Amino acid sequence: MSLAIDRSAIERVHAAIAPYIRVTPIVNADGADFALPPFPLTLKLEQLQHAGSFKTRGAFANLLLRHPPKAGVAAASGGNHGAAVAYAAMRLALPARIFVPTVSSPAKIDRIRSYGAELTVTGARYAEALAASVEWASISGALQVHAFDQFETIAGQGTLGRELSAQAPHLDTILVAVGGGGLIGGMAAWYASSARIVAVEPDGAPTLSEALKAGQPIDAPTGSVAADSLAPRRVGELMFPIAQAHVDRVVLVTDDAILRAQRALWDGLRIVAEPGGSAAFAALLSGAYRPASGERVAVVVSGANTTAVDFAGR
């Protein structure tokens, strides 16, 4: 398979993973539904994907295309990638060992365990979990499945762009939250400037923002309410040139804005999303991104691994 991450590669990966992933729905709304100026708004509900996030696309791409050994797979994650790899491994009857930092939420830890993977909680942040995962893979012979800096991961996440372009073919702008950059790398590779791709980051974890300023991926702060999904220290090397070529801009949002967006998705549409999955929507609600009149905007909502909703009704 060619190592160029482009539409052709994403099409090939989609053909491999399509039997294992859900086509997630969109909801068409309007800015006025959320006390914003009116503009056409499309929400891509990727939190309804298997294992609760878009990460499942990249997980299956790795496990189906890289031919894991009998030792199985190893992955480090803030939580969602780990859940996705654990789910894919369960479906494909492969052993999996997942490493997460202590910042990972109980909901994500519980989901990983529910898929039968071995789980190790280690280190305060993703970088420490990644180091432990790499060491384990070298000892055990397991296939290391990187959360964002891997060809198959990025191309797998790019299938979300392929899907969205068919569901909403006339978009002007797509808002995408950024952690390590696997999703926005895949989305930008698919759209290749045919739509405006806007990156959204917590202001306490500006990984892509700092990389673009420096001209290369560099370490950035990792403090945010969404640290278990959007704060890996630095963006990936593979996605960075794609971002340089095809990401229109980066906007930053506060933790308060993220939490308001999480609540607004629930209050307005009864959509459950974790903080990281709400960050892109926060850019609209906070005014960090202001659409022009009539601009057709899509927001990727991804990440439902949260216990934020009180189902007892209290």
C-alpha atoms as a PDB file:
ATOM      1  CA  MET A   1       0.000   0.000   0.000  1.00  0.00           C
ATOM      2  CA  SER A   2       1.259   3.469  -0.861  1.00  0.00           C
ATOM      3  CA  LEU A   3       2.313   5.522   2.145  1.00  0.00           C
ATOM      4  CA  ALA A   4       0.822   8.712   0.710  1.00  0.00           C
ATOM      5  CA  ILE A   5      -2.162   9.672   2.849  1.00  0.00           C
ATOM      6  CA  ASP A   6      -4.642  10.877   0.249  1.00  0.00           C
ATOM      7  CA  ARG A   7      -8.103  10.103  -1.087  1.00  0.00           C
ATOM      8  CA  SER A   8      -6.911   6.989  -2.865  1.00  0.00           C
ATOM      9  CA  ALA A   9      -5.384   5.571   0.320  1.00  0.00           C
ATOM     10  CA  ILE A  10      -8.477   6.452   2.345  1.00  0.00           C
ATOM     11  CA  GLU A  11     -10.688   4.687  -0.215  1.00  0.00           C
ATOM     12  CA  ARG A  12      -8.566   1.534   0.063  1.00  0.00           C
ATOM     13  CA  VAL A  13      -8.679   1.600   3.843  1.00  0.00           C
ATOM     14  CA  HIS A  14     -12.426   2.180   3.792  1.00  0.00           C
ATOM     15  CA  ALA A  15     -12.894  -0.935   1.668  1.00  0.00           C
ATOM     16  CA  ALA A  16     -11.084  -2.966   4.333  1.00  0.00           C
ATOM     17  CA  ILE A  17     -12.793  -1.587   7.435  1.00  0.00           C
ATOM     18  CA  ALA A  18     -16.326  -0.961   6.145  1.00  0.00           C
ATOM     19  CA  PRO A  19     -17.706  -4.315   7.384  1.00  0.00           C
ATOM     20  CA  TYR A  20     -16.565  -3.486  10.920  1.00  0.00           C
ATOM     21  CA  ILE A  21     -17.597   0.142  11.442  1.00  0.00           C
ATOM     22  CA  ARG A  22     -20.870   2.016  11.656  1.00  0.00           C
ATOM     23  CA  VAL A  23     -21.973   4.700   9.250  1.00  0.00           C
ATOM     24  CA  THR A  24     -22.730   7.331  11.857  1.00  0.00           C
ATOM     25  CA  PRO A  25     -25.578   9.799  11.279  1.00  0.00           C
ATOM     26  CA  ILE A  26     -25.637  13.534  10.825  1.00  0.00           C
ATOM     27  CA  VAL A  27     -28.099  16.005  12.315  1.00  0.00           C
ATOM     28  CA  ASN A  28     -28.963  19.145  10.378  1.00  0.00           C
ATOM     29  CA  ALA A  29     -29.574  22.126  12.623  1.00  0.00           C
ATOM     30  CA  ASP A  30     -29.098  25.888  12.544  1.00  0.00           C
ATOM     31  CA  GLY A  31     -26.973  28.322  14.472  1.00  0.00           C
ATOM     32  CA  ALA A  32     -30.173  29.928  15.718  1.00  0.00           C
ATOM     33  CA  ASP A  33     -30.967  26.695  17.590  1.00  0.00           C
ATOM     34  CA  PHE A  34     -28.136  27.636  19.955  1.00  0.00           C
ATOM     35  CA  ALA A  35     -28.747  31.402  20.192  1.00  0.00           C
ATOM     36  CA  LEU A  36     -26.188  32.085  17.437  1.00  0.00           C
ATOM     37  CA  PRO A  37     -26.742  34.007  14.219  1.00  0.00           C
ATOM     38  CA  PRO A  38     -28.497  31.780  11.682  1.00  0.00           C
ATOM     39  CA  PHE A  39     -26.319  29.570   9.486  1.00  0.00           C
ATOM     40  CA  PRO A  40     -26.700  25.969   8.254  1.00  0.00           C
ATOM     41  CA  LEU A  41     -25.156  23.621  10.819  1.00  0.00           C
ATOM     42  CA  THR A  42     -24.430  19.921  10.404  1.00  0.00           C
ATOM     43  CA  LEU A  43     -23.365  17.771  13.331  1.00  0.00           C
ATOM     44  CA  LYS A  44     -21.557  14.525  12.513  1.00  0.00           C
ATOM     45  CA  LEU A  45     -22.403  12.199  15.399  1.00  0.00           C
ATOM     46  CA  GLU A  46     -19.312  10.034  15.533  1.00  0.00           C
ATOM     47  CA  GLN A  47     -19.780   9.415  19.242  1.00  0.00           C
ATOM     48  CA  LEU A  48     -22.259   6.758  18.046  1.00  0.00           C
ATOM     49  CA  GLN A  49     -19.389   4.770  16.509  1.00  0.00           C
ATOM     50  CA  HIS A  50     -18.444   1.405  18.041  1.00  0.00           C
ATOM     51  CA  ALA A  51     -16.467   2.009  21.261  1.00  0.00           C
ATOM     52  CA  GLY A  52     -17.786   5.572  21.401  1.00  0.00           C
ATOM     53  CA  SER A  53     -15.461   7.498  19.086  1.00  0.00           C
ATOM     54  CA  PHE A  54     -13.891   7.861  15.633  1.00  0.00           C
ATOM     55  CA  LYS A  55     -10.824   6.019  16.955  1.00  0.00           C
ATOM     56  CA  THR A  56     -12.438   2.712  16.010  1.00  0.00           C
ATOM     57  CA  ARG A  57     -11.842   3.487  12.339  1.00  0.00           C
ATOM     58  CA  GLY A  58      -8.083   3.747  12.796  1.00  0.00           C
ATOM     59  CA  ALA A  59      -7.999   0.773  15.140  1.00  0.00           C
ATOM     60  CA  PHE A  60      -9.558  -1.557  12.587  1.00  0.00           C
ATOM     61  CA  ALA A  61      -7.318  -0.154   9.851  1.00  0.00           C
ATOM     62  CA  ASN A  62      -4.264  -1.156  11.881  1.00  0.00           C
ATOM     63  CA  LEU A  63      -5.487  -4.581  12.916  1.00  0.00           C
ATOM     64  CA  LEU A  64      -6.788  -5.551   9.481  1.00  0.00           C
ATOM     65  CA  LEU A  65      -3.952  -4.184   7.346  1.00  0.00           C
ATOM     66  CA  ARG A  66      -0.833  -4.707   9.466  1.00  0.00           C
ATOM     67  CA  HIS A  67      -1.307  -8.415  10.253  1.00  0.00           C
ATOM     68  CA  PRO A  68      -0.794  -8.567  14.049  1.00  0.00           C
ATOM     69  CA  PRO A  69       1.270 -11.484  15.422  1.00  0.00           C
ATOM     70  CA  LYS A  70      -0.013 -14.120  17.838  1.00  0.00           C
ATOM     71  CA  ALA A  71       1.165 -11.875  20.672  1.00  0.00           C
ATOM     72  CA  GLY A  72      -1.600  -9.486  19.655  1.00  0.00           C
ATOM     73  CA  VAL A  73      -1.549  -5.722  19.927  1.00  0.00           C
ATOM     74  CA  ALA A  74      -0.446  -3.039  22.348  1.00  0.00           C
ATOM     75  CA  ALA A  75      -1.644   0.556  22.481  1.00  0.00           C
ATOM     76  CA  ALA A  76      -1.257   3.654  24.602  1.00  0.00           C
ATOM     77  CA  SER A  77      -4.172   6.010  24.938  1.00  0.00           C
ATOM     78  CA  GLY A  78      -5.865   8.702  26.935  1.00  0.00           C
ATOM     79  CA  GLY A  79      -8.808   6.325  26.770  1.00  0.00           C
ATOM     80  CA  ASN A  80     -10.712   6.424  23.480  1.00  0.00           C
ATOM     81  CA  HIS A  81      -7.991   4.905  21.300  1.00  0.00           C
ATOM     82  CA  GLY A  82      -7.500   2.226  23.916  1.00  0.00           C
ATOM     83  CA  ALA A  83     -11.202   1.428  23.914  1.00  0.00           C
ATOM     84  CA  ALA A  84     -11.198   1.326  20.113  1.00  0.00           C
ATOM     85  CA  VAL A  85      -8.196  -1.008  19.910  1.00  0.00           C
ATOM     86  CA  ALA A  86      -9.660  -3.215  22.652  1.00  0.00           C
ATOM     87  CA  TYR A  87     -12.967  -3.396  20.779  1.00  0.00           C
ATOM     88  CA  ALA A  88     -11.320  -4.180  17.433  1.00  0.00           C
ATOM     89  CA  ALA A  89      -9.123  -6.812  19.051  1.00  0.00           C
ATOM     90  CA  MET A  90     -12.176  -8.409  20.658  1.00  0.00           C
ATOM     91  CA  ARG A  91     -13.995  -8.517  17.301  1.00  0.00           C
ATOM     92  CA  LEU A  92     -10.956 -10.058  15.595  1.00  0.00           C
ATOM     93  CA  ALA A  93     -10.128 -12.460  18.477  1.00  0.00           C
ATOM     94  CA  LEU A  94      -6.713 -10.923  19.173  1.00  0.00           C
ATOM     95  CA  PRO A  95      -5.018 -10.366  22.542  1.00  0.00           C
ATOM     96  CA  ALA A  96      -4.709  -6.694  23.484  1.00  0.00           C
ATOM     97  CA  ARG A  97      -2.881  -4.821  26.211  1.00  0.00           C
ATOM     98  CA  ILE A  98      -3.817  -1.167  26.687  1.00  0.00           C
ATOM     99  CA  PHE A  99      -1.820   1.452  28.608  1.00  0.00           C
ATOM    100  CA  VAL A 100      -3.570   4.579  29.882  1.00  0.00           C
ATOM    101  CA  PRO A 101      -2.432   7.427  32.167  1.00  0.00           C
ATOM    102  CA  THR A 102      -3.996   8.201  35.511  1.00  0.00           C
ATOM    103  CA  VAL A 103      -5.855  11.134  33.917  1.00  0.00           C
ATOM    104  CA  SER A 104      -7.991   8.697  31.897  1.00  0.00           C
ATOM    105  CA  SER A 105     -11.620   8.860  32.985  1.00  0.00           C
ATOM    106  CA  PRO A 106     -13.311   5.979  34.840  1.00  0.00           C
ATOM    107  CA  ALA A 107     -15.807   5.676  31.974  1.00  0.00           C
ATOM    108  CA  LYS A 108     -12.992   5.016  29.500  1.00  0.00           C
ATOM    109  CA  ILE A 109     -11.205   2.599  31.794  1.00  0.00           C
ATOM    110  CA  ASP A 110     -14.426   0.672  32.333  1.00  0.00           C
ATOM    111  CA  ARG A 111     -15.084   0.491  28.603  1.00  0.00           C
ATOM    112  CA  ILE A 112     -11.599  -0.853  27.861  1.00  0.00           C
ATOM    113  CA  ARG A 113     -12.016  -3.550  30.483  1.00  0.00           C
ATOM    114  CA  SER A 114     -15.474  -4.445  29.167  1.00  0.00           C
ATOM    115  CA  TYR A 115     -13.873  -5.517  25.870  1.00  0.00           C
ATOM    116  CA  GLY A 116     -11.595  -8.003  27.603  1.00  0.00           C
ATOM    117  CA  ALA A 117      -8.253  -6.249  27.102  1.00  0.00           C
ATOM    118  CA  GLU A 118      -5.476  -6.306  29.668  1.00  0.00           C
ATOM    119  CA  LEU A 119      -5.198  -2.818  31.139  1.00  0.00           C
ATOM    120  CA  THR A 120      -2.272  -0.996  32.712  1.00  0.00           C
ATOM    121  CA  VAL A 121      -2.768   2.434  34.283  1.00  0.00           C
ATOM    122  CA  THR A 122       0.587   4.196  34.448  1.00  0.00           C
ATOM    123  CA  GLY A 123       1.970   7.733  34.420  1.00  0.00           C
ATOM    124  CA  ALA A 124       0.262  11.071  34.734  1.00  0.00           C
ATOM    125  CA  ARG A 125      -0.114  11.794  31.009  1.00  0.00           C
ATOM    126  CA  TYR A 126      -0.272  10.060  27.635  1.00  0.00           C
ATOM    127  CA  ALA A 127       3.490  10.294  27.018  1.00  0.00           C
ATOM    128  CA  GLU A 128       4.265   8.072  30.006  1.00  0.00           C
ATOM    129  CA  ALA A 129       1.650   5.526  28.957  1.00  0.00           C
ATOM    130  CA  LEU A 130       3.107   5.518  25.443  1.00  0.00           C
ATOM    131  CA  ALA A 131       6.611   4.798  26.744  1.00  0.00           C
ATOM    132  CA  ALA A 132       5.279   1.864  28.767  1.00  0.00           C
ATOM    133  CA  SER A 133       3.361   0.566  25.764  1.00  0.00           C
ATOM    134  CA  VAL A 134       6.409   0.715  23.489  1.00  0.00           C
ATOM    135  CA  GLU A 135       8.486  -1.143  26.082  1.00  0.00           C
ATOM    136  CA  TRP A 136       5.839  -3.853  26.448  1.00  0.00           C
ATOM    137  CA  ALA A 137       5.564  -4.287  22.686  1.00  0.00           C
ATOM    138  CA  SER A 138       9.329  -4.701  22.361  1.00  0.00           C
ATOM    139  CA  ILE A 139       9.349  -7.386  25.065  1.00  0.00           C
ATOM    140  CA  SER A 140       6.212  -9.254  24.065  1.00  0.00           C
ATOM    141  CA  GLY A 141       6.388  -8.975  20.290  1.00  0.00           C
ATOM    142  CA  ALA A 142       2.921  -7.401  20.172  1.00  0.00           C
ATOM    143  CA  LEU A 143       2.071  -4.979  17.369  1.00  0.00           C
ATOM    144  CA  GLN A 144       2.211  -1.379  18.595  1.00  0.00           C
ATOM    145  CA  VAL A 145      -0.877   0.555  17.427  1.00  0.00           C
ATOM    146  CA  HIS A 146      -0.182   4.277  17.660  1.00  0.00           C
ATOM    147  CA  ALA A 147      -3.082   6.556  18.519  1.00  0.00           C
ATOM    148  CA  PHE A 148      -2.316   9.117  15.809  1.00  0.00           C
ATOM    149  CA  ASP A 149       1.174   8.935  14.280  1.00  0.00           C
ATOM    150  CA  GLN A 150       0.675   5.905  12.031  1.00  0.00           C
ATOM    151  CA  PHE A 151      -0.310   5.711   8.358  1.00  0.00           C
ATOM    152  CA  GLU A 152      -3.181   3.281   8.943  1.00  0.00           C
ATOM    153  CA  THR A 153      -4.483   5.306  11.878  1.00  0.00           C
ATOM    154  CA  ILE A 154      -4.675   8.557   9.911  1.00  0.00           C
ATOM    155  CA  ALA A 155      -6.103   6.929   6.782  1.00  0.00           C
ATOM    156  CA  GLY A 156      -8.649   5.114   8.936  1.00  0.00           C
ATOM    157  CA  GLN A 157      -9.777   8.353  10.545  1.00  0.00           C
ATOM    158  CA  GLY A 158      -9.946   9.863   7.069  1.00  0.00           C
ATOM    159  CA  THR A 159     -12.848   7.532   6.282  1.00  0.00           C
ATOM    160  CA  LEU A 160     -14.943   9.825   8.479  1.00  0.00           C
ATOM    161  CA  GLY A 161     -14.295  12.586   5.945  1.00  0.00           C
ATOM    162  CA  ARG A 162     -15.259  10.262   3.115  1.00  0.00           C
ATOM    163  CA  GLU A 163     -18.502   9.450   4.891  1.00  0.00           C
ATOM    164  CA  LEU A 164     -19.337  13.050   5.770  1.00  0.00           C
ATOM    165  CA  SER A 165     -18.688  14.284   2.231  1.00  0.00           C
ATOM    166  CA  ALA A 166     -21.327  11.863   0.955  1.00  0.00           C
ATOM    167  CA  GLN A 167     -23.847  12.787   3.662  1.00  0.00           C
ATOM    168  CA  ALA A 168     -23.334  16.561   3.383  1.00  0.00           C
ATOM    169  CA  PRO A 169     -21.706  17.224  -0.005  1.00  0.00           C
ATOM    170  CA  HIS A 170     -21.800  21.030  -0.043  1.00  0.00           C
ATOM    171  CA  LEU A 171     -20.050  22.042   3.168  1.00  0.00           C
ATOM    172  CA  ASP A 172     -17.957  25.184   3.344  1.00  0.00           C
ATOM    173  CA  THR A 173     -16.279  24.591   6.706  1.00  0.00           C
ATOM    174  CA  ILE A 174     -15.632  21.649   9.029  1.00  0.00           C
ATOM    175  CA  LEU A 175     -14.597  22.133  12.649  1.00  0.00           C
ATOM    176  CA  VAL A 176     -12.436  19.326  14.024  1.00  0.00           C
ATOM    177  CA  ALA A 177     -10.953  18.982  17.510  1.00  0.00           C
ATOM    178  CA  VAL A 178      -7.226  18.220  17.699  1.00  0.00           C
ATOM    179  CA  GLY A 179      -5.180  16.154  20.101  1.00  0.00           C
ATOM    180  CA  GLY A 180      -2.421  14.246  18.351  1.00  0.00           C
ATOM    181  CA  GLY A 181      -3.917  15.116  14.983  1.00  0.00           C
ATOM    182  CA  GLY A 182      -4.916  11.741  13.566  1.00  0.00           C
ATOM    183  CA  LEU A 183      -8.493  12.808  12.879  1.00  0.00           C
ATOM    184  CA  ILE A 184      -7.776  16.225  11.436  1.00  0.00           C
ATOM    185  CA  GLY A 185      -4.922  14.737   9.397  1.00  0.00           C
ATOM    186  CA  GLY A 186      -7.302  12.223   7.867  1.00  0.00           C
ATOM    187  CA  MET A 187     -10.060  14.783   7.355  1.00  0.00           C
ATOM    188  CA  ALA A 188      -7.685  17.288   5.737  1.00  0.00           C
ATOM    189  CA  ALA A 189      -6.215  14.562   3.517  1.00  0.00           C
ATOM    190  CA  TRP A 190      -9.695  13.648   2.278  1.00  0.00           C
ATOM    191  CA  TYR A 191     -10.975  17.175   1.674  1.00  0.00           C
ATOM    192  CA  ALA A 192      -7.602  18.519   0.455  1.00  0.00           C
ATOM    193  CA  SER A 193      -8.815  22.143   0.661  1.00  0.00           C
ATOM    194  CA  SER A 194     -12.139  21.438  -1.086  1.00  0.00           C
ATOM    195  CA  ALA A 195     -13.683  22.566   2.211  1.00  0.00           C
ATOM    196  CA  ARG A 196     -12.220  24.798   4.904  1.00  0.00           C
ATOM    197  CA  ILE A 197     -10.797  22.635   7.722  1.00  0.00           C
ATOM    198  CA  VAL A 198     -10.616  24.490  11.038  1.00  0.00           C
ATOM    199  CA  ALA A 199      -8.729  22.948  13.930  1.00  0.00           C
ATOM    200  CA  VAL A 200     -10.032  23.461  17.462  1.00  0.00           C
ATOM    201  CA  GLU A 201      -7.814  22.993  20.508  1.00  0.00           C
ATOM    202  CA  PRO A 202      -8.110  23.631  24.241  1.00  0.00           C
ATOM    203  CA  ASP A 203      -6.093  26.702  25.105  1.00  0.00           C
ATOM    204  CA  GLY A 204      -4.343  24.607  27.759  1.00  0.00           C
ATOM    205  CA  ALA A 205      -3.215  22.018  25.193  1.00  0.00           C
ATOM    206  CA  PRO A 206      -2.341  23.875  21.955  1.00  0.00           C
ATOM    207  CA  THR A 207      -0.409  21.081  20.245  1.00  0.00           C
ATOM    208  CA  LEU A 208      -1.081  21.980  16.603  1.00  0.00           C
ATOM    209  CA  SER A 209      -1.056  25.711  17.248  1.00  0.00           C
ATOM    210  CA  GLU A 210       2.431  25.519  18.742  1.00  0.00           C
ATOM    211  CA  ALA A 211       3.651  23.178  15.997  1.00  0.00           C
ATOM    212  CA  LEU A 212       2.509  25.507  13.223  1.00  0.00           C
ATOM    213  CA  LYS A 213       4.229  28.447  14.908  1.00  0.00           C
ATOM    214  CA  ALA A 214       7.467  26.460  15.214  1.00  0.00           C
ATOM    215  CA  GLY A 215       7.263  24.885  11.768  1.00  0.00           C
ATOM    216  CA  GLN A 216       7.453  21.391  13.258  1.00  0.00           C
ATOM    217  CA  PRO A 217       5.827  19.306  16.011  1.00  0.00           C
ATOM    218  CA  ILE A 218       7.072  20.435  19.417  1.00  0.00           C
ATOM    219  CA  ASP A 219       6.088  19.757  23.010  1.00  0.00           C
ATOM    220  CA  ALA A 220       3.143  21.841  24.211  1.00  0.00           C
ATOM    221  CA  PRO A 221       1.314  22.190  27.537  1.00  0.00           C
ATOM    222  CA  THR A 222      -1.091  19.372  28.403  1.00  0.00           C
ATOM    223  CA  GLY A 223      -3.517  20.988  30.836  1.00  0.00           C
ATOM    224  CA  SER A 224      -7.199  20.832  29.965  1.00  0.00           C
ATOM    225  CA  VAL A 225     -10.524  19.430  31.070  1.00  0.00           C
ATOM    226  CA  ALA A 226     -10.180  17.365  27.877  1.00  0.00           C
ATOM    227  CA  ALA A 227      -6.646  16.191  28.693  1.00  0.00           C
ATOM    228  CA  ASP A 228      -7.571  12.509  28.392  1.00  0.00           C
ATOM    229  CA  SER A 229      -8.353  12.954  24.688  1.00  0.00           C
ATOM    230  CA  LEU A 230      -6.838  16.242  23.444  1.00  0.00           C
ATOM    231  CA  ALA A 231      -3.487  16.595  25.220  1.00  0.00           C
ATOM    232  CA  PRO A 232      -0.805  14.160  24.001  1.00  0.00           C
ATOM    233  CA  ARG A 233       2.054  16.714  24.334  1.00  0.00           C
ATOM    234  CA  ARG A 234       2.710  17.045  20.595  1.00  0.00           C
ATOM    235  CA  VAL A 235       1.044  16.344  17.253  1.00  0.00           C
ATOM    236  CA  GLY A 236       2.252  13.532  15.035  1.00  0.00           C
ATOM    237  CA  GLU A 237       4.978  13.833  12.434  1.00  0.00           C
ATOM    238  CA  LEU A 238       2.875  12.202   9.692  1.00  0.00           C
ATOM    239  CA  MET A 239      -0.104  14.519  10.004  1.00  0.00           C
ATOM    240  CA  PHE A 240       1.894  17.723  10.289  1.00  0.00           C
ATOM    241  CA  PRO A 241       2.626  18.337   6.574  1.00  0.00           C
ATOM    242  CA  ILE A 242      -1.024  17.579   5.809  1.00  0.00           C
ATOM    243  CA  ALA A 243      -2.057  20.194   8.362  1.00  0.00           C
ATOM    244  CA  GLN A 244       0.392  22.716   6.942  1.00  0.00           C
ATOM    245  CA  ALA A 245      -1.069  22.206   3.478  1.00  0.00           C
ATOM    246  CA  HIS A 246      -4.775  21.881   4.185  1.00  0.00           C
ATOM    247  CA  VAL A 247      -5.779  23.177   7.645  1.00  0.00           C
ATOM    248  CA  ASP A 248      -7.089  26.711   7.257  1.00  0.00           C
ATOM    249  CA  ARG A 249      -6.494  27.835  10.828  1.00  0.00           C
ATOM    250  CA  VAL A 250      -6.399  26.817  14.479  1.00  0.00           C
ATOM    251  CA  VAL A 251      -8.727  28.334  17.063  1.00  0.00           C
ATOM    252  CA  LEU A 252      -8.377  27.897  20.819  1.00  0.00           C
ATOM    253  CA  VAL A 253     -11.192  27.387  23.327  1.00  0.00           C
ATOM    254  CA  THR A 254     -11.227  27.558  27.114  1.00  0.00           C
ATOM    255  CA  ASP A 255     -12.193  24.730  29.426  1.00  0.00           C
ATOM    256  CA  ASP A 256     -15.282  26.703  30.424  1.00  0.00           C
ATOM    257  CA  ALA A 257     -16.312  26.946  26.779  1.00  0.00           C
ATOM    258  CA  ILE A 258     -15.831  23.199  26.329  1.00  0.00           C
ATOM    259  CA  LEU A 259     -18.009  22.418  29.337  1.00  0.00           C
ATOM    260  CA  ARG A 260     -20.693  24.853  28.131  1.00  0.00           C
ATOM    261  CA  ALA A 261     -20.672  23.148  24.744  1.00  0.00           C
ATOM    262  CA  GLN A 262     -20.984  19.740  26.364  1.00  0.00           C
ATOM    263  CA  ARG A 263     -24.037  20.942  28.260  1.00  0.00           C
ATOM    264  CA  ALA A 264     -25.509  22.701  25.206  1.00  0.00           C
ATOM    265  CA  LEU A 265     -25.318  19.529  23.125  1.00  0.00           C
ATOM    266  CA  TRP A 266     -27.267  17.722  25.832  1.00  0.00           C
ATOM    267  CA  ASP A 267     -29.783  20.495  26.483  1.00  0.00           C
ATOM    268  CA  GLY A 268     -30.392  21.299  22.823  1.00  0.00           C
ATOM    269  CA  LEU A 269     -30.235  17.913  21.122  1.00  0.00           C
ATOM    270  CA  ARG A 270     -29.879  15.321  23.878  1.00  0.00           C
ATOM    271  CA  ILE A 271     -26.448  14.447  22.525  1.00  0.00           C
ATOM    272  CA  VAL A 272     -24.068  12.932  25.068  1.00  0.00           C
ATOM    273  CA  ALA A 273     -20.448  13.864  24.404  1.00  0.00           C
ATOM    274  CA  GLU A 274     -17.363  13.938  26.587  1.00  0.00           C
ATOM    275  CA  PRO A 275     -15.383  17.201  26.870  1.00  0.00           C
ATOM    276  CA  GLY A 276     -12.991  16.310  24.058  1.00  0.00           C
ATOM    277  CA  GLY A 277     -15.913  15.415  21.847  1.00  0.00           C
ATOM    278  CA  SER A 278     -17.517  18.792  22.546  1.00  0.00           C
ATOM    279  CA  ALA A 279     -14.470  20.972  21.897  1.00  0.00           C
ATOM    280  CA  ALA A 280     -15.142  21.616  18.207  1.00  0.00           C
ATOM    281  CA  PHE A 281     -18.681  22.757  18.991  1.00  0.00           C
ATOM    282  CA  ALA A 282     -17.267  25.042  21.688  1.00  0.00           C
ATOM    283  CA  ALA A 283     -15.566  27.065  18.964  1.00  0.00           C
ATOM    284  CA  LEU A 284     -18.971  28.088  17.634  1.00  0.00           C
ATOM    285  CA  LEU A 285     -20.661  28.739  20.966  1.00  0.00           C
ATOM    286  CA  SER A 286     -17.759  30.792  22.313  1.00  0.00           C
ATOM    287  CA  GLY A 287     -17.271  32.843  19.151  1.00  0.00           C
ATOM    288  CA  ALA A 288     -13.745  31.509  18.619  1.00  0.00           C
ATOM    289  CA  TYR A 289     -15.006  30.702  15.128  1.00  0.00           C
ATOM    290  CA  ARG A 290     -17.696  32.950  13.641  1.00  0.00           C
ATOM    291  CA  PRO A 291     -19.299  31.711  10.412  1.00  0.00           C
ATOM    292  CA  ALA A 292     -20.232  34.158   7.712  1.00  0.00           C
ATOM    293  CA  SER A 293     -23.884  34.565   6.827  1.00  0.00           C
ATOM    294  CA  GLY A 294     -25.041  31.446   5.007  1.00  0.00           C
ATOM    295  CA  GLU A 295     -21.778  29.585   5.554  1.00  0.00           C
ATOM    296  CA  ARG A 296     -22.446  25.841   5.669  1.00  0.00           C
ATOM    297  CA  VAL A 297     -20.639  24.535   8.750  1.00  0.00           C
ATOM    298  CA  ALA A 298     -20.128  21.009  10.032  1.00  0.00           C
ATOM    299  CA  VAL A 299     -18.889  20.006  13.468  1.00  0.00           C
ATOM    300  CA  VAL A 300     -17.483  16.575  14.247  1.00  0.00           C
ATOM    301  CA  VAL A 301     -18.859  15.422  17.607  1.00  0.00           C
ATOM    302  CA  SER A 302     -16.910  12.424  18.824  1.00  0.00           C
ATOM    303  CA  GLY A 303     -16.323  10.811  22.172  1.00  0.00           C
ATOM    304  CA  ALA A 304     -19.215   9.520  24.255  1.00  0.00           C
ATOM    305  CA  ASN A 305     -17.144   7.854  26.957  1.00  0.00           C
ATOM    306  CA  THR A 306     -18.410   9.906  29.863  1.00  0.00           C
ATOM    307  CA  THR A 307     -20.663   9.560  32.859  1.00  0.00           C
ATOM    308  CA  ALA A 308     -21.861  13.153  32.578  1.00  0.00           C
ATOM    309  CA  VAL A 309     -25.579  12.294  32.294  1.00  0.00           C
ATOM    310  CA  ASP A 310     -27.516  11.440  35.450  1.00  0.00           C
ATOM    311  CA  PHE A 311     -29.877   8.751  34.219  1.00  0.00           C
ATOM    312  CA  ALA A 312     -31.609   8.594  37.595  1.00  0.00           C
ATOM    313  CA  GLY A 313     -33.088  11.992  36.690  1.00  0.00           C
ATOM    314  CA  ARG A 314     -31.940  13.733  39.834  1.00  0.00           C
END
